[in-house]
Amino acid sequence: MQERMAYLTQKREVLVQLLEQPDLGTLRIDVNQALEEMDDLLEEFQRTFPAAS
């Protein structure tokens, strides 16, 4: 499970980089939503398994 969360953390950076693209258009809304949901998931994991963080 920790490996999967580390993988998600790495992939989060890809979304951040995508969000910085100026020609993203309306896809920016979806990318922003994905980032918010990913952040919520990572926070919940850290609350549930504090020793794992």
C-alpha atoms as a PDB file:
ATOM      1  CA  MET A   1       0.000   0.000   0.000  1.00  0.00           C
ATOM      2  CA  GLN A   2       2.857   2.376   0.812  1.00  0.00           C
ATOM      3  CA  GLU A   3       4.380   1.744  -2.594  1.00  0.00           C
ATOM      4  CA  ARG A   4       1.124   2.645  -4.297  1.00  0.00           C
ATOM      5  CA  MET A   5       0.836   5.860  -2.314  1.00  0.00           C
ATOM      6  CA  ALA A   6       4.424   6.756  -3.239  1.00  0.00           C
ATOM      7  CA  TYR A   7       3.531   6.097  -6.869  1.00  0.00           C
ATOM      8  CA  LEU A   8       0.498   8.387  -6.590  1.00  0.00           C
ATOM      9  CA  THR A   9       2.644  11.100  -5.058  1.00  0.00           C
ATOM     10  CA  GLN A  10       4.993  10.896  -8.031  1.00  0.00           C
ATOM     11  CA  LYS A  11       2.123  11.006 -10.509  1.00  0.00           C
ATOM     12  CA  ARG A  12       0.703  14.046  -8.728  1.00  0.00           C
ATOM     13  CA  GLU A  13       3.701  15.986  -9.986  1.00  0.00           C
ATOM     14  CA  VAL A  14       2.714  15.109 -13.553  1.00  0.00           C
ATOM     15  CA  LEU A  15      -0.680  16.713 -12.965  1.00  0.00           C
ATOM     16  CA  VAL A  16       0.964  19.813 -11.484  1.00  0.00           C
ATOM     17  CA  GLN A  17       3.149  20.138 -14.564  1.00  0.00           C
ATOM     18  CA  LEU A  18       0.134  19.659 -16.815  1.00  0.00           C
ATOM     19  CA  LEU A  19      -1.746  22.370 -14.948  1.00  0.00           C
ATOM     20  CA  GLU A  20       1.071  24.803 -15.737  1.00  0.00           C
ATOM     21  CA  GLN A  21       0.533  24.393 -19.490  1.00  0.00           C
ATOM     22  CA  PRO A  22      -0.913  27.618 -20.939  1.00  0.00           C
ATOM     23  CA  ASP A  23      -2.897  25.891 -23.715  1.00  0.00           C
ATOM     24  CA  LEU A  24      -4.835  23.524 -21.464  1.00  0.00           C
ATOM     25  CA  GLY A  25      -8.205  25.186 -22.048  1.00  0.00           C
ATOM     26  CA  THR A  26     -11.232  23.703 -20.328  1.00  0.00           C
ATOM     27  CA  LEU A  27      -9.245  20.577 -19.446  1.00  0.00           C
ATOM     28  CA  ARG A  28      -7.712  22.727 -16.680  1.00  0.00           C
ATOM     29  CA  ILE A  29     -10.900  22.216 -14.648  1.00  0.00           C
ATOM     30  CA  ASP A  30     -10.561  18.422 -14.818  1.00  0.00           C
ATOM     31  CA  VAL A  31      -6.865  18.482 -13.980  1.00  0.00           C
ATOM     32  CA  ASN A  32      -7.515  20.770 -11.021  1.00  0.00           C
ATOM     33  CA  GLN A  33     -10.294  18.461  -9.792  1.00  0.00           C
ATOM     34  CA  ALA A  34      -7.997  15.429 -10.120  1.00  0.00           C
ATOM     35  CA  LEU A  35      -5.336  17.232  -8.060  1.00  0.00           C
ATOM     36  CA  GLU A  36      -7.837  18.086  -5.332  1.00  0.00           C
ATOM     37  CA  GLU A  37      -9.085  14.513  -5.138  1.00  0.00           C
ATOM     38  CA  MET A  38      -5.554  13.126  -5.119  1.00  0.00           C
ATOM     39  CA  ASP A  39      -4.579  15.504  -2.311  1.00  0.00           C
ATOM     40  CA  ASP A  40      -7.631  14.397  -0.316  1.00  0.00           C
ATOM     41  CA  LEU A  41      -6.687  10.749  -0.835  1.00  0.00           C
ATOM     42  CA  LEU A  42      -3.094  11.316   0.245  1.00  0.00           C
ATOM     43  CA  GLU A  43      -4.191  13.247   3.342  1.00  0.00           C
ATOM     44  CA  GLU A  44      -6.668  10.537   4.310  1.00  0.00           C
ATOM     45  CA  PHE A  45      -3.986   7.878   3.908  1.00  0.00           C
ATOM     46  CA  GLN A  46      -1.618   9.836   6.155  1.00  0.00           C
ATOM     47  CA  ARG A  47      -4.340  10.243   8.801  1.00  0.00           C
ATOM     48  CA  THR A  48      -5.243   6.559   8.652  1.00  0.00           C
ATOM     49  CA  PHE A  49      -1.670   5.261   8.586  1.00  0.00           C
ATOM     50  CA  PRO A  50       0.448   7.936  10.296  1.00  0.00           C
ATOM     51  CA  ALA A  51       3.451   5.620  10.701  1.00  0.00           C
ATOM     52  CA  ALA A  52       3.548   5.072   6.950  1.00  0.00           C
ATOM     53  CA  SER A  53       4.201   8.720   6.112  1.00  0.00           C
END
